[in-house]
């Protein structure tokens, strides 16, 4: 099971004693802040939770699953997340 954005907004509203509209805006600002920092190539460190960062992936060889033909997968950047000690301990 996973938590949707809508469910997260409802949780923030309930726990933070906010209206759904205020909670929605809060979640939106938080997520956009992370996204914008990553776009600038910055790390986002949330102490006790984890670190969001941009990871570079090298070009590599792959296969087309339909034809089996060898292809080259180009280099790219991808978002990454490293959980913090507290988060790791909480889900252990």
PDB file of N, CA and C in Angstrom:
ATOM      1  N   UNK A   1       0.845  -1.178   0.000  1.00  0.00           N
ATOM      2  CA  UNK A   1       0.000   0.000   0.000  1.00  0.00           C
ATOM      3  C   UNK A   1       0.891   1.242   0.000  1.00  0.00           C
ATOM      4  N   UNK A   2       0.448   2.266  -0.640  1.00  0.00           N
ATOM      5  CA  UNK A   2       1.212   3.510  -0.690  1.00  0.00           C
ATOM      6  C   UNK A   2       0.306   4.682  -0.296  1.00  0.00           C
ATOM      7  N   UNK A   3       0.935   5.769   0.075  1.00  0.00           N
ATOM      8  CA  UNK A   3       0.212   6.974   0.450  1.00  0.00           C
ATOM      9  C   UNK A   3       0.192   7.907  -0.755  1.00  0.00           C
ATOM     10  N   UNK A   4      -0.984   8.355  -1.131  1.00  0.00           N
ATOM     11  CA  UNK A   4      -1.112   9.278  -2.254  1.00  0.00           C
ATOM     12  C   UNK A   4      -0.902  10.710  -1.767  1.00  0.00           C
ATOM     13  N   UNK A   5      -0.725  11.615  -2.701  1.00  0.00           N
ATOM     14  CA  UNK A   5      -0.564  13.024  -2.360  1.00  0.00           C
ATOM     15  C   UNK A   5      -1.810  13.535  -1.631  1.00  0.00           C
ATOM     16  N   UNK A   6      -2.966  13.103  -2.077  1.00  0.00           N
ATOM     17  CA  UNK A   6      -4.226  13.514  -1.453  1.00  0.00           C
ATOM     18  C   UNK A   6      -4.278  13.046  -0.003  1.00  0.00           C
ATOM     19  N   UNK A   7      -3.875  11.812   0.246  1.00  0.00           N
ATOM     20  CA  UNK A   7      -3.868  11.280   1.611  1.00  0.00           C
ATOM     21  C   UNK A   7      -2.852  12.018   2.483  1.00  0.00           C
ATOM     22  N   UNK A   8      -1.723  12.386   1.895  1.00  0.00           N
ATOM     23  CA  UNK A   8      -0.709  13.145   2.625  1.00  0.00           C
ATOM     24  C   UNK A   8      -1.261  14.517   3.019  1.00  0.00           C
ATOM     25  N   UNK A   9      -1.959  15.160   2.107  1.00  0.00           N
ATOM     26  CA  UNK A   9      -2.571  16.462   2.388  1.00  0.00           C
ATOM     27  C   UNK A   9      -3.589  16.335   3.530  1.00  0.00           C
ATOM     28  N   UNK A  10      -4.394  15.283   3.497  1.00  0.00           N
ATOM     29  CA  UNK A  10      -5.382  15.061   4.558  1.00  0.00           C
ATOM     30  C   UNK A  10      -4.703  14.824   5.905  1.00  0.00           C
ATOM     31  N   UNK A  11      -3.595  14.102   5.898  1.00  0.00           N
ATOM     32  CA  UNK A  11      -2.847  13.846   7.126  1.00  0.00           C
ATOM     33  C   UNK A  11      -2.253  15.137   7.692  1.00  0.00           C
ATOM     34  N   UNK A  12      -1.666  15.952   6.816  1.00  0.00           N
ATOM     35  CA  UNK A  12      -1.096  17.237   7.243  1.00  0.00           C
ATOM     36  C   UNK A  12      -2.201  18.138   7.805  1.00  0.00           C
ATOM     37  N   UNK A  13      -3.351  18.149   7.160  1.00  0.00           N
ATOM     38  CA  UNK A  13      -4.469  18.962   7.628  1.00  0.00           C
ATOM     39  C   UNK A  13      -4.919  18.517   9.022  1.00  0.00           C
ATOM     40  N   UNK A  14      -5.035  17.213   9.196  1.00  0.00           N
ATOM     41  CA  UNK A  14      -5.504  16.671  10.473  1.00  0.00           C
ATOM     42  C   UNK A  14      -4.479  16.892  11.578  1.00  0.00           C
ATOM     43  N   UNK A  15      -3.223  16.502  11.337  1.00  0.00           N
ATOM     44  CA  UNK A  15      -2.173  16.600  12.356  1.00  0.00           C
ATOM     45  C   UNK A  15      -1.781  18.048  12.643  1.00  0.00           C
ATOM     46  N   UNK A  16      -1.827  18.899  11.637  1.00  0.00           N
ATOM     47  CA  UNK A  16      -1.428  20.288  11.797  1.00  0.00           C
ATOM     48  C   UNK A  16      -2.567  21.222  12.142  1.00  0.00           C
ATOM     49  N   UNK A  17      -3.775  20.646  12.289  1.00  0.00           N
ATOM     50  CA  UNK A  17      -4.963  21.435  12.583  1.00  0.00           C
ATOM     51  C   UNK A  17      -5.137  22.563  11.557  1.00  0.00           C
ATOM     52  N   UNK A  18      -5.029  22.192  10.277  1.00  0.00           N
ATOM     53  CA  UNK A  18      -5.148  23.139   9.173  1.00  0.00           C
ATOM     54  C   UNK A  18      -6.358  22.786   8.327  1.00  0.00           C
ATOM     55  N   UNK A  19      -6.788  23.740   7.511  1.00  0.00           N
ATOM     56  CA  UNK A  19      -7.826  23.433   6.524  1.00  0.00           C
ATOM     57  C   UNK A  19      -7.172  22.616   5.415  1.00  0.00           C
ATOM     58  N   UNK A  20      -7.987  21.909   4.655  1.00  0.00           N
ATOM     59  CA  UNK A  20      -7.433  21.136   3.540  1.00  0.00           C
ATOM     60  C   UNK A  20      -6.731  22.046   2.539  1.00  0.00           C
ATOM     61  N   UNK A  21      -7.270  23.238   2.342  1.00  0.00           N
ATOM     62  CA  UNK A  21      -6.675  24.185   1.403  1.00  0.00           C
ATOM     63  C   UNK A  21      -5.283  24.616   1.878  1.00  0.00           C
ATOM     64  N   UNK A  22      -5.151  24.936   3.164  1.00  0.00           N
ATOM     65  CA  UNK A  22      -3.856  25.347   3.721  1.00  0.00           C
ATOM     66  C   UNK A  22      -2.864  24.189   3.689  1.00  0.00           C
ATOM     67  N   UNK A  23      -3.343  22.985   4.007  1.00  0.00           N
ATOM     68  CA  UNK A  23      -2.468  21.807   3.990  1.00  0.00           C
ATOM     69  C   UNK A  23      -2.005  21.512   2.563  1.00  0.00           C
ATOM     70  N   UNK A  24      -2.909  21.649   1.598  1.00  0.00           N
ATOM     71  CA  UNK A  24      -2.557  21.417   0.191  1.00  0.00           C
ATOM     72  C   UNK A  24      -1.470  22.389  -0.250  1.00  0.00           C
ATOM     73  N   UNK A  25      -1.613  23.653   0.119  1.00  0.00           N
ATOM     74  CA  UNK A  25      -0.611  24.664  -0.236  1.00  0.00           C
ATOM     75  C   UNK A  25       0.720  24.373   0.447  1.00  0.00           C
ATOM     76  N   UNK A  26       0.680  23.946   1.695  1.00  0.00           N
ATOM     77  CA  UNK A  26       1.907  23.616   2.432  1.00  0.00           C
ATOM     78  C   UNK A  26       2.661  22.468   1.778  1.00  0.00           C
ATOM     79  N   UNK A  27       1.948  21.412   1.439  1.00  0.00           N
ATOM     80  CA  UNK A  27       2.568  20.255   0.789  1.00  0.00           C
ATOM     81  C   UNK A  27       3.128  20.661  -0.570  1.00  0.00           C
ATOM     82  N   UNK A  28       2.365  21.459  -1.309  1.00  0.00           N
ATOM     83  CA  UNK A  28       2.803  21.931  -2.627  1.00  0.00           C
ATOM     84  C   UNK A  28       4.100  22.736  -2.525  1.00  0.00           C
ATOM     85  N   UNK A  29       4.157  23.675  -1.581  1.00  0.00           N
ATOM     86  CA  UNK A  29       5.354  24.501  -1.402  1.00  0.00           C
ATOM     87  C   UNK A  29       6.546  23.637  -1.003  1.00  0.00           C
ATOM     88  N   UNK A  30       6.330  22.693  -0.114  1.00  0.00           N
ATOM     89  CA  UNK A  30       7.394  21.796   0.342  1.00  0.00           C
ATOM     90  C   UNK A  30       7.966  20.978  -0.827  1.00  0.00           C
ATOM     91  N   UNK A  31       7.093  20.339  -1.585  1.00  0.00           N
ATOM     92  CA  UNK A  31       7.547  19.503  -2.708  1.00  0.00           C
ATOM     93  C   UNK A  31       8.201  20.340  -3.807  1.00  0.00           C
ATOM     94  N   UNK A  32       7.646  21.520  -4.098  1.00  0.00           N
ATOM     95  CA  UNK A  32       8.234  22.396  -5.107  1.00  0.00           C
ATOM     96  C   UNK A  32       9.606  22.893  -4.664  1.00  0.00           C
ATOM     97  N   UNK A  33       9.770  23.126  -3.369  1.00  0.00           N
ATOM     98  CA  UNK A  33      11.069  23.540  -2.838  1.00  0.00           C
ATOM     99  C   UNK A  33      12.129  22.480  -3.062  1.00  0.00           C
ATOM    100  N   UNK A  34      11.768  21.236  -2.810  1.00  0.00           N
ATOM    101  CA  UNK A  34      12.701  20.124  -3.054  1.00  0.00           C
ATOM    102  C   UNK A  34      13.020  20.040  -4.537  1.00  0.00           C
ATOM    103  N   UNK A  35      11.992  20.085  -5.377  1.00  0.00           N
ATOM    104  CA  UNK A  35      12.193  19.988  -6.826  1.00  0.00           C
ATOM    105  C   UNK A  35      13.084  21.113  -7.349  1.00  0.00           C
ATOM    106  N   UNK A  36      12.819  22.338  -6.935  1.00  0.00           N
ATOM    107  CA  UNK A  36      13.586  23.484  -7.422  1.00  0.00           C
ATOM    108  C   UNK A  36      15.048  23.410  -6.987  1.00  0.00           C
ATOM    109  N   UNK A  37      15.288  22.961  -5.759  1.00  0.00           N
ATOM    110  CA  UNK A  37      16.670  22.803  -5.283  1.00  0.00           C
ATOM    111  C   UNK A  37      17.409  21.741  -6.095  1.00  0.00           C
ATOM    112  N   UNK A  38      16.740  20.644  -6.381  1.00  0.00           N
ATOM    113  CA  UNK A  38      17.368  19.583  -7.179  1.00  0.00           C
ATOM    114  C   UNK A  38      17.644  20.067  -8.605  1.00  0.00           C
ATOM    115  N   UNK A  39      16.739  20.861  -9.170  1.00  0.00           N
ATOM    116  CA  UNK A  39      16.946  21.416 -10.517  1.00  0.00           C
ATOM    117  C   UNK A  39      18.203  22.271 -10.568  1.00  0.00           C
ATOM    118  N   UNK A  40      18.506  22.962  -9.449  1.00  0.00           N
ATOM    119  CA  UNK A  40      19.710  23.789  -9.381  1.00  0.00           C
ATOM    120  C   UNK A  40      20.945  22.960  -9.037  1.00  0.00           C
ATOM    121  N   UNK A  41      20.778  21.655  -8.850  1.00  0.00           N
ATOM    122  CA  UNK A  41      21.906  20.780  -8.537  1.00  0.00           C
ATOM    123  C   UNK A  41      22.282  20.773  -7.064  1.00  0.00           C
ATOM    124  N   UNK A  42      21.395  21.287  -6.218  1.00  0.00           N
ATOM    125  CA  UNK A  42      21.663  21.345  -4.782  1.00  0.00           C
ATOM    126  C   UNK A  42      21.118  20.102  -4.079  1.00  0.00           C
ATOM    127  N   UNK A  43      21.725  19.779  -2.947  1.00  0.00           N
ATOM    128  CA  UNK A  43      21.216  18.710  -2.096  1.00  0.00           C
ATOM    129  C   UNK A  43      20.173  19.289  -1.160  1.00  0.00           C
ATOM    130  N   UNK A  44      19.206  18.474  -0.780  1.00  0.00           N
ATOM    131  CA  UNK A  44      18.221  18.861   0.220  1.00  0.00           C
ATOM    132  C   UNK A  44      18.371  17.893   1.381  1.00  0.00           C
ATOM    133  N   UNK A  45      18.809  18.411   2.531  1.00  0.00           N
ATOM    134  CA  UNK A  45      19.039  17.580   3.708  1.00  0.00           C
ATOM    135  C   UNK A  45      17.947  17.869   4.730  1.00  0.00           C
ATOM    136  N   UNK A  46      17.192  16.847   5.082  1.00  0.00           N
ATOM    137  CA  UNK A  46      16.171  16.965   6.113  1.00  0.00           C
ATOM    138  C   UNK A  46      16.653  16.099   7.272  1.00  0.00           C
ATOM    139  N   UNK A  47      17.206  16.762   8.272  1.00  0.00           N
ATOM    140  CA  UNK A  47      17.806  16.065   9.405  1.00  0.00           C
ATOM    141  C   UNK A  47      16.787  15.127  10.048  1.00  0.00           C
ATOM    142  N   UNK A  48      17.227  13.902  10.277  1.00  0.00           N
ATOM    143  CA  UNK A  48      16.361  12.898  10.882  1.00  0.00           C
ATOM    144  C   UNK A  48      15.505  12.157   9.867  1.00  0.00           C
ATOM    145  N   UNK A  49      15.507  12.602   8.624  1.00  0.00           N
ATOM    146  CA  UNK A  49      14.708  11.940   7.592  1.00  0.00           C
ATOM    147  C   UNK A  49      15.583  11.401   6.476  1.00  0.00           C
ATOM    148  N   UNK A  50      16.323  12.295   5.805  1.00  0.00           N
ATOM    149  CA  UNK A  50      17.181  11.840   4.725  1.00  0.00           C
ATOM    150  C   UNK A  50      17.650  12.969   3.840  1.00  0.00           C
ATOM    151  N   UNK A  51      18.328  12.590   2.752  1.00  0.00           N
ATOM    152  CA  UNK A  51      18.904  13.555   1.830  1.00  0.00           C
ATOM    153  C   UNK A  51      18.440  13.264   0.405  1.00  0.00           C
ATOM    154  N   UNK A  52      17.916  14.296  -0.245  1.00  0.00           N
ATOM    155  CA  UNK A  52      17.565  14.218  -1.660  1.00  0.00           C
ATOM    156  C   UNK A  52      18.743  14.809  -2.438  1.00  0.00           C
ATOM    157  N   UNK A  53      19.141  14.164  -3.533  1.00  0.00           N
ATOM    158  CA  UNK A  53      20.251  14.675  -4.328  1.00  0.00           C
ATOM    159  C   UNK A  53      20.061  14.288  -5.787  1.00  0.00           C
ATOM    160  N   UNK A  54      20.900  14.875  -6.644  1.00  0.00           N
ATOM    161  CA  UNK A  54      20.887  14.542  -8.068  1.00  0.00           C
ATOM    162  C   UNK A  54      22.052  13.597  -8.322  1.00  0.00           C
ATOM    163  N   UNK A  55      21.762  12.483  -8.955  1.00  0.00           N
ATOM    164  CA  UNK A  55      22.789  11.491  -9.261  1.00  0.00           C
ATOM    165  C   UNK A  55      22.987  11.431 -10.769  1.00  0.00           C
ATOM    166  N   UNK A  56      24.245  11.318 -11.173  1.00  0.00           N
ATOM    167  CA  UNK A  56      24.561  11.200 -12.599  1.00  0.00           C
ATOM    168  C   UNK A  56      24.672   9.730 -12.958  1.00  0.00           C
ATOM    169  N   UNK A  57      24.002   9.355 -14.007  1.00  0.00           N
ATOM    170  CA  UNK A  57      24.081   7.978 -14.496  1.00  0.00           C
ATOM    171  C   UNK A  57      24.877   7.978 -15.788  1.00  0.00           C
ATOM    172  N   UNK A  58      25.828   7.070 -15.886  1.00  0.00           N
ATOM    173  CA  UNK A  58      26.666   6.974 -17.073  1.00  0.00           C
ATOM    174  C   UNK A  58      25.896   6.314 -18.217  1.00  0.00           C
ATOM    175  N   UNK A  59      26.367   6.570 -19.426  1.00  0.00           N
ATOM    176  CA  UNK A  59      25.795   5.890 -20.592  1.00  0.00           C
ATOM    177  C   UNK A  59      26.112   4.406 -20.463  1.00  0.00           C
ATOM    178  N   UNK A  60      25.204   3.568 -20.947  1.00  0.00           N
ATOM    179  CA  UNK A  60      25.434   2.125 -20.833  1.00  0.00           C
ATOM    180  C   UNK A  60      24.754   1.377 -21.970  1.00  0.00           C
ATOM    181  N   UNK A  61      25.134   0.138 -22.102  1.00  0.00           N
ATOM    182  CA  UNK A  61      24.547  -0.716 -23.126  1.00  0.00           C
ATOM    183  C   UNK A  61      23.315  -1.394 -22.545  1.00  0.00           C
ATOM    184  N   UNK A  62      22.297  -1.541 -23.367  1.00  0.00           N
ATOM    185  CA  UNK A  62      21.079  -2.213 -22.948  1.00  0.00           C
ATOM    186  C   UNK A  62      20.496  -2.996 -24.103  1.00  0.00           C
ATOM    187  N   UNK A  63      19.348  -3.573 -23.903  1.00  0.00           N
ATOM    188  CA  UNK A  63      18.683  -4.334 -24.949  1.00  0.00           C
ATOM    189  C   UNK A  63      17.237  -3.881 -25.076  1.00  0.00           C
ATOM    190  N   UNK A  64      16.769  -3.788 -26.319  1.00  0.00           N
ATOM    191  CA  UNK A  64      15.368  -3.511 -26.576  1.00  0.00           C
ATOM    192  C   UNK A  64      14.601  -4.774 -26.180  1.00  0.00           C
ATOM    193  N   UNK A  65      13.678  -4.705 -25.233  1.00  0.00           N
ATOM    194  CA  UNK A  65      12.995  -5.913 -24.779  1.00  0.00           C
ATOM    195  C   UNK A  65      12.128  -6.588 -25.849  1.00  0.00           C
ATOM    196  N   UNK A  66      11.665  -5.824 -26.819  1.00  0.00           N
ATOM    197  CA  UNK A  66      10.823  -6.416 -27.861  1.00  0.00           C
ATOM    198  C   UNK A  66      11.644  -7.170 -28.891  1.00  0.00           C
ATOM    199  N   UNK A  67      12.755  -6.551 -29.346  1.00  0.00           N
ATOM    200  CA  UNK A  67      13.523  -7.139 -30.445  1.00  0.00           C
ATOM    201  C   UNK A  67      14.799  -7.832 -29.984  1.00  0.00           C
ATOM    202  N   UNK A  68      15.257  -7.526 -28.769  1.00  0.00           N
ATOM    203  CA  UNK A  68      16.514  -8.097 -28.292  1.00  0.00           C
ATOM    204  C   UNK A  68      17.728  -7.374 -28.861  1.00  0.00           C
ATOM    205  N   UNK A  69      17.484  -6.337 -29.665  1.00  0.00           N
ATOM    206  CA  UNK A  69      18.560  -5.579 -30.297  1.00  0.00           C
ATOM    207  C   UNK A  69      19.338  -4.771 -29.255  1.00  0.00           C
ATOM    208  N   UNK A  70      20.672  -4.734 -29.372  1.00  0.00           N
ATOM    209  CA  UNK A  70      21.513  -3.962 -28.458  1.00  0.00           C
ATOM    210  C   UNK A  70      21.329  -2.471 -28.745  1.00  0.00           C
ATOM    211  N   UNK A  71      21.189  -1.682 -27.676  1.00  0.00           N
ATOM    212  CA  UNK A  71      21.036  -0.240 -27.811  1.00  0.00           C
ATOM    213  C   UNK A  71      21.936   0.451 -26.792  1.00  0.00           C
ATOM    214  N   UNK A  72      22.180   1.731 -27.013  1.00  0.00           N
ATOM    215  CA  UNK A  72      22.937   2.519 -26.048  1.00  0.00           C
ATOM    216  C   UNK A  72      21.965   3.408 -25.288  1.00  0.00           C
ATOM    217  N   UNK A  73      22.008   3.309 -23.972  1.00  0.00           N
ATOM    218  CA  UNK A  73      21.176   4.153 -23.123  1.00  0.00           C
ATOM    219  C   UNK A  73      22.031   5.352 -22.744  1.00  0.00           C
ATOM    220  N   UNK A  74      21.580   6.543 -23.091  1.00  0.00           N
ATOM    221  CA  UNK A  74      22.393   7.746 -22.899  1.00  0.00           C
ATOM    222  C   UNK A  74      22.547   8.109 -21.424  1.00  0.00           C
ATOM    223  N   UNK A  75      23.593   8.883 -21.134  1.00  0.00           N
ATOM    224  CA  UNK A  75      23.839   9.367 -19.781  1.00  0.00           C
ATOM    225  C   UNK A  75      22.732  10.339 -19.400  1.00  0.00           C
ATOM    226  N   UNK A  76      22.423  10.400 -18.118  1.00  0.00           N
ATOM    227  CA  UNK A  76      21.389  11.308 -17.663  1.00  0.00           C
ATOM    228  C   UNK A  76      21.541  11.562 -16.178  1.00  0.00           C
ATOM    229  N   UNK A  77      20.783  12.522 -15.696  1.00  0.00           N
ATOM    230  CA  UNK A  77      20.733  12.818 -14.273  1.00  0.00           C
ATOM    231  C   UNK A  77      19.412  12.293 -13.733  1.00  0.00           C
ATOM    232  N   UNK A  78      19.435  11.808 -12.492  1.00  0.00           N
ATOM    233  CA  UNK A  78      18.229  11.263 -11.874  1.00  0.00           C
ATOM    234  C   UNK A  78      18.184  11.672 -10.410  1.00  0.00           C
ATOM    235  N   UNK A  79      16.989  11.886  -9.886  1.00  0.00           N
ATOM    236  CA  UNK A  79      16.893  12.210  -8.465  1.00  0.00           C
ATOM    237  C   UNK A  79      17.193  10.975  -7.625  1.00  0.00           C
ATOM    238  N   UNK A  80      17.789  11.212  -6.468  1.00  0.00           N
ATOM    239  CA  UNK A  80      18.092  10.113  -5.565  1.00  0.00           C
ATOM    240  C   UNK A  80      17.733  10.481  -4.138  1.00  0.00           C
ATOM    241  N   UNK A  81      17.540   9.481  -3.312  1.00  0.00           N
ATOM    242  CA  UNK A  81      17.218   9.699  -1.910  1.00  0.00           C
ATOM    243  C   UNK A  81      18.033   8.734  -1.076  1.00  0.00           C
ATOM    244  N   UNK A  82      18.664   9.270  -0.033  1.00  0.00           N
ATOM    245  CA  UNK A  82      19.398   8.455   0.923  1.00  0.00           C
ATOM    246  C   UNK A  82      18.735   8.647   2.279  1.00  0.00           C
ATOM    247  N   UNK A  83      18.189   7.578   2.852  1.00  0.00           N
ATOM    248  CA  UNK A  83      17.515   7.739   4.144  1.00  0.00           C
ATOM    249  C   UNK A  83      18.508   8.032   5.263  1.00  0.00           C
ATOM    250  N   UNK A  84      18.061   8.800   6.245  1.00  0.00           N
ATOM    251  CA  UNK A  84      18.875   9.114   7.408  1.00  0.00           C
ATOM    252  C   UNK A  84      18.807   7.995   8.439  1.00  0.00           C
ATOM    253  N   UNK A  85      19.681   8.059   9.434  1.00  0.00           N
ATOM    254  CA  UNK A  85      19.737   7.024  10.470  1.00  0.00           C
ATOM    255  C   UNK A  85      18.402   6.847  11.186  1.00  0.00           C
ATOM    256  N   UNK A  86      17.763   7.961  11.523  1.00  0.00           N
ATOM    257  CA  UNK A  86      16.488   7.889  12.266  1.00  0.00           C
ATOM    258  C   UNK A  86      15.416   7.179  11.440  1.00  0.00           C
ATOM    259  N   UNK A  87      15.352   7.467  10.153  1.00  0.00           N
ATOM    260  CA  UNK A  87      14.365   6.820   9.289  1.00  0.00           C
ATOM    261  C   UNK A  87      14.653   5.327   9.155  1.00  0.00           C
ATOM    262  N   UNK A  88      15.924   4.998   8.953  1.00  0.00           N
ATOM    263  CA  UNK A  88      16.300   3.582   8.844  1.00  0.00           C
ATOM    264  C   UNK A  88      15.919   2.817  10.119  1.00  0.00           C
ATOM    265  N   UNK A  89      16.209   3.439  11.248  1.00  0.00           N
ATOM    266  CA  UNK A  89      15.910   2.811  12.533  1.00  0.00           C
ATOM    267  C   UNK A  89      14.413   2.649  12.740  1.00  0.00           C
ATOM    268  N   UNK A  90      13.623   3.646  12.304  1.00  0.00           N
ATOM    269  CA  UNK A  90      12.168   3.621  12.492  1.00  0.00           C
ATOM    270  C   UNK A  90      11.494   2.510  11.695  1.00  0.00           C
ATOM    271  N   UNK A  91      12.034   2.161  10.534  1.00  0.00           N
ATOM    272  CA  UNK A  91      11.374   1.152   9.704  1.00  0.00           C
ATOM    273  C   UNK A  91      11.993  -0.235   9.833  1.00  0.00           C
ATOM    274  N   UNK A  92      12.998  -0.347  10.647  1.00  0.00           N
ATOM    275  CA  UNK A  92      13.668  -1.633  10.843  1.00  0.00           C
ATOM    276  C   UNK A  92      12.764  -2.671  11.432  1.00  0.00           C
TER     277      UNK A  92
END
